Amino acid sequence: MQNIENLLKEPAQILNPAQNKYLLANNNYQEVSEYLEKQQNIILPIGSTEQHGADGLLGVDHITATAIAYSLAQHKQILCAPPLNYGMAMHHLDFKGTMALKPITYINVISDLIASLKDHGFKEIIVINGHGGNKGPFLNALAQNKNDFADLDFKFFNWWVMPKLEKEIIKKEFAEKEGYHATPTEISLTMFVCPEMMSVPESYKCPQKEVGSENCSWVIPKKFKELYPDGVMRADYSLATKDIGKKVLEFAVQEIAALI
């Protein structure tokens, strides 16, 4: 078992697949067969490629999910499938660079990937999700395949809502400024594992309107941009730091590890 503290010492290497022997892609089929003789669980990171405000990277959602998944794989010695870097993010399409899958497409992709894993003998799928819009269609994929997947066990983690992480970091560091999208928590984690890729402004004021819970028009790209002009959903990501990002990764990996 790889000590999580050792993994955190080299943050820029966390996403580097070259030395991670627990990645499915770094094994041959004979090695996977040997693994399945001993254990039948696998980690599946899922994210999105979408805008995260004027300063946030487009890859925040899959970068964070993959960082946690790769770290978890080494920490718990569990195989990790290649990340699904595209998600159901249609509402972000009015911002350049966003690449999204329609709900039905996402359902079909997830169905096919899980069916492949099931056919090989995997019985437990540990899902590390980095994008809120993925949960609905993911659950729909399971419902659509309720008979075929009936003997599989799924553990689905929206990593940013882990109770201990929320209590010890999110509420203490950001409180109501956490918001809902391009949050300081996810930006902090991204800054930690991609230290040279981004910085945040010294001050930031959210320009968004208050959106009522009954308002469903936000799923339309142009409507979403009217409500959230810079793409941020009531968050103040200027509070993000690399040091907080380190704590976020440590808390998330340890909390998920304890639950699996």
C-alpha atoms as a PDB file:
ATOM      1  CA  MET A   1       0.000   0.000   0.000  1.00  0.00           C
ATOM      2  CA  GLN A   2       1.399   3.388  -1.037  1.00  0.00           C
ATOM      3  CA  ASN A   3       1.400   5.926   1.771  1.00  0.00           C
ATOM      4  CA  ILE A   4      -0.727   8.945   0.806  1.00  0.00           C
ATOM      5  CA  GLU A   5       1.824  11.336   2.339  1.00  0.00           C
ATOM      6  CA  ASN A   6       4.470  10.060  -0.085  1.00  0.00           C
ATOM      7  CA  LEU A   7       2.163  10.615  -3.051  1.00  0.00           C
ATOM      8  CA  LEU A   8       1.573  14.216  -1.993  1.00  0.00           C
ATOM      9  CA  LYS A   9       5.297  14.984  -1.976  1.00  0.00           C
ATOM     10  CA  GLU A  10       5.400  15.108  -5.779  1.00  0.00           C
ATOM     11  CA  PRO A  11       2.096  16.666  -6.867  1.00  0.00           C
ATOM     12  CA  ALA A  12       3.168  17.168 -10.479  1.00  0.00           C
ATOM     13  CA  GLN A  13       3.672  13.380 -10.780  1.00  0.00           C
ATOM     14  CA  ILE A  14       0.237  12.382  -9.516  1.00  0.00           C
ATOM     15  CA  LEU A  15      -1.351  12.599 -12.973  1.00  0.00           C
ATOM     16  CA  ASN A  16       1.687  11.068 -14.695  1.00  0.00           C
ATOM     17  CA  PRO A  17       0.656   7.556 -15.782  1.00  0.00           C
ATOM     18  CA  ALA A  18       4.169   6.395 -16.612  1.00  0.00           C
ATOM     19  CA  GLN A  19       5.058   4.967 -13.187  1.00  0.00           C
ATOM     20  CA  ASN A  20       1.620   3.932 -11.947  1.00  0.00           C
ATOM     21  CA  LYS A  21       1.434   0.145 -12.226  1.00  0.00           C
ATOM     22  CA  TYR A  22      -2.164   0.102 -10.983  1.00  0.00           C
ATOM     23  CA  LEU A  23      -3.528   1.696 -14.145  1.00  0.00           C
ATOM     24  CA  LEU A  24      -5.426  -0.746 -16.332  1.00  0.00           C
ATOM     25  CA  ALA A  25      -3.713   0.744 -19.379  1.00  0.00           C
ATOM     26  CA  ASN A  26      -0.290  -0.130 -17.952  1.00  0.00           C
ATOM     27  CA  ASN A  27      -1.096  -3.828 -17.691  1.00  0.00           C
ATOM     28  CA  ASN A  28      -1.382  -6.564 -20.310  1.00  0.00           C
ATOM     29  CA  TYR A  29      -4.343  -8.918 -20.456  1.00  0.00           C
ATOM     30  CA  GLN A  30      -2.466 -11.713 -18.678  1.00  0.00           C
ATOM     31  CA  GLU A  31      -1.725  -9.399 -15.765  1.00  0.00           C
ATOM     32  CA  VAL A  32      -5.388  -8.362 -15.624  1.00  0.00           C
ATOM     33  CA  SER A  33      -6.376 -12.044 -15.547  1.00  0.00           C
ATOM     34  CA  GLU A  34      -4.027 -12.627 -12.605  1.00  0.00           C
ATOM     35  CA  TYR A  35      -5.457  -9.577 -10.822  1.00  0.00           C
ATOM     36  CA  LEU A  36      -9.018 -10.861 -11.267  1.00  0.00           C
ATOM     37  CA  GLU A  37      -8.091 -14.164  -9.633  1.00  0.00           C
ATOM     38  CA  LYS A  38      -7.411 -12.223  -6.408  1.00  0.00           C
ATOM     39  CA  GLN A  39      -9.832  -9.301  -6.530  1.00  0.00           C
ATOM     40  CA  GLN A  40     -12.618  -8.064  -8.784  1.00  0.00           C
ATOM     41  CA  ASN A  41     -12.824  -4.343  -8.065  1.00  0.00           C
ATOM     42  CA  ILE A  42     -11.797  -1.479 -10.328  1.00  0.00           C
ATOM     43  CA  ILE A  43     -11.816   2.314 -10.111  1.00  0.00           C
ATOM     44  CA  LEU A  44     -13.517   4.317 -12.865  1.00  0.00           C
ATOM     45  CA  PRO A  45     -12.824   8.082 -12.896  1.00  0.00           C
ATOM     46  CA  ILE A  46     -15.383  10.168 -14.785  1.00  0.00           C
ATOM     47  CA  GLY A  47     -15.284  13.905 -15.412  1.00  0.00           C
ATOM     48  CA  SER A  48     -15.937  16.506 -18.064  1.00  0.00           C
ATOM     49  CA  THR A  49     -14.235  18.963 -20.405  1.00  0.00           C
ATOM     50  CA  GLU A  50     -16.012  22.250 -19.804  1.00  0.00           C
ATOM     51  CA  GLN A  51     -15.490  25.873 -18.888  1.00  0.00           C
ATOM     52  CA  HIS A  52     -14.657  26.812 -15.308  1.00  0.00           C
ATOM     53  CA  GLY A  53     -14.824  30.574 -15.490  1.00  0.00           C
ATOM     54  CA  ALA A  54     -12.335  32.915 -17.095  1.00  0.00           C
ATOM     55  CA  ASP A  55      -9.375  31.498 -15.164  1.00  0.00           C
ATOM     56  CA  GLY A  56     -10.234  27.853 -14.484  1.00  0.00           C
ATOM     57  CA  LEU A  57      -8.931  25.111 -16.737  1.00  0.00           C
ATOM     58  CA  LEU A  58     -11.348  23.322 -19.039  1.00  0.00           C
ATOM     59  CA  GLY A  59     -10.158  20.036 -17.582  1.00  0.00           C
ATOM     60  CA  VAL A  60     -10.896  20.770 -13.909  1.00  0.00           C
ATOM     61  CA  ASP A  61     -13.565  18.069 -13.604  1.00  0.00           C
ATOM     62  CA  HIS A  62     -11.558  15.239 -15.115  1.00  0.00           C
ATOM     63  CA  ILE A  63      -8.244  16.451 -13.666  1.00  0.00           C
ATOM     64  CA  THR A  64      -9.617  16.343 -10.109  1.00  0.00           C
ATOM     65  CA  ALA A  65     -11.395  12.999 -10.540  1.00  0.00           C
ATOM     66  CA  THR A  66      -8.322  11.443 -12.143  1.00  0.00           C
ATOM     67  CA  ALA A  67      -5.939  12.794  -9.503  1.00  0.00           C
ATOM     68  CA  ILE A  68      -8.059  11.255  -6.761  1.00  0.00           C
ATOM     69  CA  ALA A  69      -8.541   7.992  -8.676  1.00  0.00           C
ATOM     70  CA  TYR A  70      -4.849   7.569  -9.546  1.00  0.00           C
ATOM     71  CA  SER A  71      -3.862   8.295  -5.944  1.00  0.00           C
ATOM     72  CA  LEU A  72      -6.526   5.949  -4.596  1.00  0.00           C
ATOM     73  CA  ALA A  73      -5.360   3.182  -6.951  1.00  0.00           C
ATOM     74  CA  GLN A  74      -1.814   3.329  -5.603  1.00  0.00           C
ATOM     75  CA  HIS A  75      -2.919   3.823  -2.007  1.00  0.00           C
ATOM     76  CA  LYS A  76      -5.278   0.815  -2.018  1.00  0.00           C
ATOM     77  CA  GLN A  77      -3.593  -1.249  -4.783  1.00  0.00           C
ATOM     78  CA  ILE A  78      -6.708  -1.350  -6.956  1.00  0.00           C
ATOM     79  CA  LEU A  79      -6.715  -1.240 -10.740  1.00  0.00           C
ATOM     80  CA  CYS A  80      -7.917   2.034 -12.244  1.00  0.00           C
ATOM     81  CA  ALA A  81      -9.602   2.229 -15.645  1.00  0.00           C
ATOM     82  CA  PRO A  82      -8.740   5.061 -18.060  1.00  0.00           C
ATOM     83  CA  PRO A  83     -10.692   8.215 -17.170  1.00  0.00           C
ATOM     84  CA  LEU A  84     -13.759   9.251 -19.134  1.00  0.00           C
ATOM     85  CA  ASN A  85     -12.854  12.886 -19.761  1.00  0.00           C
ATOM     86  CA  TYR A  86     -16.135  13.879 -21.403  1.00  0.00           C
ATOM     87  CA  GLY A  87     -19.427  14.271 -19.583  1.00  0.00           C
ATOM     88  CA  MET A  88     -22.988  15.508 -19.840  1.00  0.00           C
ATOM     89  CA  ALA A  89     -22.168  19.223 -19.999  1.00  0.00           C
ATOM     90  CA  MET A  90     -24.504  20.492 -22.702  1.00  0.00           C
ATOM     91  CA  HIS A  91     -25.378  23.624 -20.676  1.00  0.00           C
ATOM     92  CA  HIS A  92     -21.751  24.822 -20.874  1.00  0.00           C
ATOM     93  CA  LEU A  93     -21.569  24.747 -24.675  1.00  0.00           C
ATOM     94  CA  ASP A  94     -21.893  28.515 -25.109  1.00  0.00           C
ATOM     95  CA  PHE A  95     -18.347  28.785 -23.709  1.00  0.00           C
ATOM     96  CA  LYS A  96     -15.511  28.005 -26.134  1.00  0.00           C
ATOM     97  CA  GLY A  97     -13.659  24.745 -25.607  1.00  0.00           C
ATOM     98  CA  THR A  98     -16.420  22.819 -23.856  1.00  0.00           C
ATOM     99  CA  MET A  99     -16.889  19.317 -25.266  1.00  0.00           C
ATOM    100  CA  ALA A 100     -20.083  17.593 -24.162  1.00  0.00           C
ATOM    101  CA  LEU A 101     -21.977  14.351 -24.626  1.00  0.00           C
ATOM    102  CA  LYS A 102     -25.751  14.301 -25.005  1.00  0.00           C
ATOM    103  CA  PRO A 103     -27.478  12.404 -22.171  1.00  0.00           C
ATOM    104  CA  ILE A 104     -28.384   9.462 -24.403  1.00  0.00           C
ATOM    105  CA  THR A 105     -24.823   9.277 -25.734  1.00  0.00           C
ATOM    106  CA  TYR A 106     -23.426   9.338 -22.211  1.00  0.00           C
ATOM    107  CA  ILE A 107     -25.818   6.595 -21.104  1.00  0.00           C
ATOM    108  CA  ASN A 108     -24.718   4.408 -24.016  1.00  0.00           C
ATOM    109  CA  VAL A 109     -21.001   5.013 -23.391  1.00  0.00           C
ATOM    110  CA  ILE A 110     -21.303   4.172 -19.701  1.00  0.00           C
ATOM    111  CA  SER A 111     -23.399   1.098 -20.485  1.00  0.00           C
ATOM    112  CA  ASP A 112     -20.821  -0.236 -22.929  1.00  0.00           C
ATOM    113  CA  LEU A 113     -17.851   0.417 -20.639  1.00  0.00           C
ATOM    114  CA  ILE A 114     -19.463  -1.289 -17.650  1.00  0.00           C
ATOM    115  CA  ALA A 115     -20.608  -4.200 -19.805  1.00  0.00           C
ATOM    116  CA  SER A 116     -17.004  -4.681 -20.930  1.00  0.00           C
ATOM    117  CA  LEU A 117     -15.757  -4.756 -17.345  1.00  0.00           C
ATOM    118  CA  LYS A 118     -18.535  -7.148 -16.314  1.00  0.00           C
ATOM    119  CA  ASP A 119     -17.733  -9.544 -19.160  1.00  0.00           C
ATOM    120  CA  HIS A 120     -14.136  -9.793 -17.931  1.00  0.00           C
ATOM    121  CA  GLY A 121     -15.158 -10.644 -14.383  1.00  0.00           C
ATOM    122  CA  PHE A 122     -15.077  -7.332 -12.532  1.00  0.00           C
ATOM    123  CA  LYS A 123     -17.786  -7.236  -9.886  1.00  0.00           C
ATOM    124  CA  GLU A 124     -17.297  -3.923  -8.073  1.00  0.00           C
ATOM    125  CA  ILE A 125     -17.055  -0.556  -9.859  1.00  0.00           C
ATOM    126  CA  ILE A 126     -15.727   2.314  -7.733  1.00  0.00           C
ATOM    127  CA  VAL A 127     -16.750   5.506  -9.529  1.00  0.00           C
ATOM    128  CA  ILE A 128     -14.891   8.751  -8.795  1.00  0.00           C
ATOM    129  CA  ASN A 129     -17.002  11.512 -10.314  1.00  0.00           C
ATOM    130  CA  GLY A 130     -15.777  15.054 -10.911  1.00  0.00           C
ATOM    131  CA  HIS A 131     -18.857  16.585 -12.583  1.00  0.00           C
ATOM    132  CA  GLY A 132     -22.328  16.910 -11.089  1.00  0.00           C
ATOM    133  CA  GLY A 133     -24.033  16.598 -14.469  1.00  0.00           C
ATOM    134  CA  ASN A 134     -22.788  13.014 -14.819  1.00  0.00           C
ATOM    135  CA  LYS A 135     -24.697  11.468 -11.938  1.00  0.00           C
ATOM    136  CA  GLY A 136     -28.170  11.555 -13.512  1.00  0.00           C
ATOM    137  CA  PRO A 137     -27.254   9.864 -16.808  1.00  0.00           C
ATOM    138  CA  PHE A 138     -24.926   7.442 -14.988  1.00  0.00           C
ATOM    139  CA  LEU A 139     -27.799   6.253 -12.804  1.00  0.00           C
ATOM    140  CA  ASN A 140     -30.005   6.101 -15.891  1.00  0.00           C
ATOM    141  CA  ALA A 141     -27.426   3.793 -17.508  1.00  0.00           C
ATOM    142  CA  LEU A 142     -27.676   1.458 -14.522  1.00  0.00           C
ATOM    143  CA  ALA A 143     -31.471   1.567 -14.618  1.00  0.00           C
ATOM    144  CA  GLN A 144     -31.492   0.864 -18.350  1.00  0.00           C
ATOM    145  CA  ASN A 145     -29.322  -2.223 -17.733  1.00  0.00           C
ATOM    146  CA  LYS A 146     -30.976  -3.255 -14.463  1.00  0.00           C
ATOM    147  CA  ASN A 147     -30.999  -6.951 -15.320  1.00  0.00           C
ATOM    148  CA  ASP A 148     -27.542  -7.183 -16.897  1.00  0.00           C
ATOM    149  CA  PHE A 149     -25.890  -5.238 -14.063  1.00  0.00           C
ATOM    150  CA  ALA A 150     -27.922  -6.751 -11.228  1.00  0.00           C
ATOM    151  CA  ASP A 151     -24.989  -8.737  -9.834  1.00  0.00           C
ATOM    152  CA  LEU A 152     -22.540  -5.800  -9.882  1.00  0.00           C
ATOM    153  CA  ASP A 153     -21.767  -3.586  -6.912  1.00  0.00           C
ATOM    154  CA  PHE A 154     -21.364   0.150  -7.533  1.00  0.00           C
ATOM    155  CA  LYS A 155     -19.806   2.705  -5.214  1.00  0.00           C
ATOM    156  CA  PHE A 156     -20.385   6.195  -6.640  1.00  0.00           C
ATOM    157  CA  PHE A 157     -18.513   9.149  -5.128  1.00  0.00           C
ATOM    158  CA  ASN A 158     -19.094  12.798  -5.967  1.00  0.00           C
ATOM    159  CA  TRP A 159     -15.732  13.585  -4.390  1.00  0.00           C
ATOM    160  CA  TRP A 160     -16.546  17.214  -3.455  1.00  0.00           C
ATOM    161  CA  VAL A 161     -19.438  16.256  -1.177  1.00  0.00           C
ATOM    162  CA  MET A 162     -17.572  13.837   1.075  1.00  0.00           C
ATOM    163  CA  PRO A 163     -18.777  14.635   4.641  1.00  0.00           C
ATOM    164  CA  LYS A 164     -15.377  15.002   6.328  1.00  0.00           C
ATOM    165  CA  LEU A 165     -13.953  17.019   3.439  1.00  0.00           C
ATOM    166  CA  GLU A 166     -16.966  19.315   3.525  1.00  0.00           C
ATOM    167  CA  LYS A 167     -16.787  19.786   7.292  1.00  0.00           C
ATOM    168  CA  GLU A 168     -13.032  20.216   7.733  1.00  0.00           C
ATOM    169  CA  ILE A 169     -12.106  22.126   4.573  1.00  0.00           C
ATOM    170  CA  ILE A 170     -14.998  23.468   2.519  1.00  0.00           C
ATOM    171  CA  LYS A 171     -17.006  24.980   5.361  1.00  0.00           C
ATOM    172  CA  LYS A 172     -13.952  26.220   7.250  1.00  0.00           C
ATOM    173  CA  GLU A 173     -12.063  27.675   4.283  1.00  0.00           C
ATOM    174  CA  PHE A 174     -14.832  28.851   1.947  1.00  0.00           C
ATOM    175  CA  ALA A 175     -18.258  28.662   3.639  1.00  0.00           C
ATOM    176  CA  GLU A 176     -20.942  30.267   1.430  1.00  0.00           C
ATOM    177  CA  LYS A 177     -18.315  31.328  -1.117  1.00  0.00           C
ATOM    178  CA  GLU A 178     -17.906  27.708  -2.212  1.00  0.00           C
ATOM    179  CA  GLY A 179     -20.778  28.088  -4.698  1.00  0.00           C
ATOM    180  CA  TYR A 180     -21.746  25.376  -7.198  1.00  0.00           C
ATOM    181  CA  HIS A 181     -19.399  25.492 -10.186  1.00  0.00           C
ATOM    182  CA  ALA A 182     -15.781  26.605 -10.597  1.00  0.00           C
ATOM    183  CA  THR A 183     -15.619  26.308  -6.832  1.00  0.00           C
ATOM    184  CA  PRO A 184     -12.520  27.212  -4.824  1.00  0.00           C
ATOM    185  CA  THR A 185     -12.321  23.579  -3.677  1.00  0.00           C
ATOM    186  CA  GLU A 186     -12.011  22.096  -7.157  1.00  0.00           C
ATOM    187  CA  ILE A 187      -9.816  24.957  -8.370  1.00  0.00           C
ATOM    188  CA  SER A 188      -7.512  24.461  -5.366  1.00  0.00           C
ATOM    189  CA  LEU A 189      -7.087  20.758  -6.145  1.00  0.00           C
ATOM    190  CA  THR A 190      -6.407  21.547  -9.798  1.00  0.00           C
ATOM    191  CA  MET A 191      -3.778  24.120  -8.830  1.00  0.00           C
ATOM    192  CA  PHE A 192      -2.049  21.539  -6.626  1.00  0.00           C
ATOM    193  CA  VAL A 193      -1.744  18.806  -9.266  1.00  0.00           C
ATOM    194  CA  CYS A 194      -1.203  21.214 -12.210  1.00  0.00           C
ATOM    195  CA  PRO A 195       1.013  23.794 -10.468  1.00  0.00           C
ATOM    196  CA  GLU A 196       2.250  25.555 -13.601  1.00  0.00           C
ATOM    197  CA  MET A 197      -0.999  25.645 -15.522  1.00  0.00           C
ATOM    198  CA  MET A 198      -3.093  28.301 -13.829  1.00  0.00           C
ATOM    199  CA  SER A 199      -3.345  31.101 -11.310  1.00  0.00           C
ATOM    200  CA  VAL A 200      -6.338  32.952  -9.928  1.00  0.00           C
ATOM    201  CA  PRO A 201      -7.058  36.684  -9.608  1.00  0.00           C
ATOM    202  CA  GLU A 202      -6.441  38.407  -6.295  1.00  0.00           C
ATOM    203  CA  SER A 203     -10.075  39.464  -6.087  1.00  0.00           C
ATOM    204  CA  TYR A 204     -13.240  38.222  -7.696  1.00  0.00           C
ATOM    205  CA  LYS A 205     -16.896  39.200  -7.540  1.00  0.00           C
ATOM    206  CA  CYS A 206     -19.557  36.860  -8.847  1.00  0.00           C
ATOM    207  CA  PRO A 207     -21.771  38.626 -11.409  1.00  0.00           C
ATOM    208  CA  GLN A 208     -24.501  35.977 -11.437  1.00  0.00           C
ATOM    209  CA  LYS A 209     -28.166  36.402 -10.703  1.00  0.00           C
ATOM    210  CA  GLU A 210     -29.926  34.346  -8.054  1.00  0.00           C
ATOM    211  CA  VAL A 211     -31.541  31.386  -9.790  1.00  0.00           C
ATOM    212  CA  GLY A 212     -34.671  29.873  -8.279  1.00  0.00           C
ATOM    213  CA  SER A 213     -34.801  26.116  -7.794  1.00  0.00           C
ATOM    214  CA  GLU A 214     -37.832  25.902 -10.081  1.00  0.00           C
ATOM    215  CA  ASN A 215     -35.946  27.483 -12.976  1.00  0.00           C
ATOM    216  CA  CYS A 216     -35.054  24.697 -15.425  1.00  0.00           C
ATOM    217  CA  SER A 217     -34.098  26.871 -18.399  1.00  0.00           C
ATOM    218  CA  TRP A 218     -30.465  26.935 -17.231  1.00  0.00           C
ATOM    219  CA  VAL A 219     -29.878  23.641 -19.064  1.00  0.00           C
ATOM    220  CA  ILE A 220     -30.060  25.556 -22.381  1.00  0.00           C
ATOM    221  CA  PRO A 221     -26.569  26.894 -23.229  1.00  0.00           C
ATOM    222  CA  LYS A 222     -27.641  30.460 -24.067  1.00  0.00           C
ATOM    223  CA  LYS A 223     -29.897  30.659 -21.001  1.00  0.00           C
ATOM    224  CA  PHE A 224     -27.088  29.345 -18.818  1.00  0.00           C
ATOM    225  CA  LYS A 225     -24.757  32.074 -20.056  1.00  0.00           C
ATOM    226  CA  GLU A 226     -27.386  34.736 -19.406  1.00  0.00           C
ATOM    227  CA  LEU A 227     -27.682  33.549 -15.812  1.00  0.00           C
ATOM    228  CA  TYR A 228     -23.949  32.955 -15.319  1.00  0.00           C
ATOM    229  CA  PRO A 229     -22.150  35.413 -17.651  1.00  0.00           C
ATOM    230  CA  ASP A 230     -18.608  34.284 -16.793  1.00  0.00           C
ATOM    231  CA  GLY A 231     -19.552  30.627 -16.336  1.00  0.00           C
ATOM    232  CA  VAL A 232     -19.085  30.600 -12.566  1.00  0.00           C
ATOM    233  CA  MET A 233     -22.026  29.501 -10.438  1.00  0.00           C
ATOM    234  CA  ARG A 234     -22.017  31.618  -7.274  1.00  0.00           C
ATOM    235  CA  ALA A 235     -18.453  30.693  -6.291  1.00  0.00           C
ATOM    236  CA  ASP A 236     -15.452  32.804  -5.325  1.00  0.00           C
ATOM    237  CA  TYR A 237     -12.502  30.890  -6.702  1.00  0.00           C
ATOM    238  CA  SER A 238     -10.055  33.682  -5.866  1.00  0.00           C
ATOM    239  CA  LEU A 239      -9.871  31.947  -2.478  1.00  0.00           C
ATOM    240  CA  ALA A 240      -8.262  28.871  -4.043  1.00  0.00           C
ATOM    241  CA  THR A 241      -4.679  27.955  -3.108  1.00  0.00           C
ATOM    242  CA  LYS A 242      -2.299  25.081  -3.820  1.00  0.00           C
ATOM    243  CA  ASP A 243      -1.904  24.412  -0.099  1.00  0.00           C
ATOM    244  CA  ILE A 244      -5.647  23.938   0.320  1.00  0.00           C
ATOM    245  CA  GLY A 245      -5.605  21.748  -2.782  1.00  0.00           C
ATOM    246  CA  LYS A 246      -3.109  19.432  -1.099  1.00  0.00           C
ATOM    247  CA  LYS A 247      -5.428  19.074   1.888  1.00  0.00           C
ATOM    248  CA  VAL A 248      -8.397  18.469  -0.408  1.00  0.00           C
ATOM    249  CA  LEU A 249      -6.644  15.588  -2.165  1.00  0.00           C
ATOM    250  CA  GLU A 250      -5.498  14.033   1.086  1.00  0.00           C
ATOM    251  CA  PHE A 251      -8.941  14.237   2.695  1.00  0.00           C
ATOM    252  CA  ALA A 252     -10.746  12.950  -0.400  1.00  0.00           C
ATOM    253  CA  VAL A 253      -8.474   9.932  -0.898  1.00  0.00           C
ATOM    254  CA  GLN A 254      -8.475   8.952   2.761  1.00  0.00           C
ATOM    255  CA  GLU A 255     -12.232   9.356   3.113  1.00  0.00           C
ATOM    256  CA  ILE A 256     -13.023   7.320   0.027  1.00  0.00           C
ATOM    257  CA  ALA A 257     -10.435   4.688   0.971  1.00  0.00           C
ATOM    258  CA  ALA A 258     -12.143   4.221   4.329  1.00  0.00           C
ATOM    259  CA  LEU A 259     -15.466   3.576   2.596  1.00  0.00           C
ATOM    260  CA  ILE A 260     -14.282   0.915   0.170  1.00  0.00           C
END
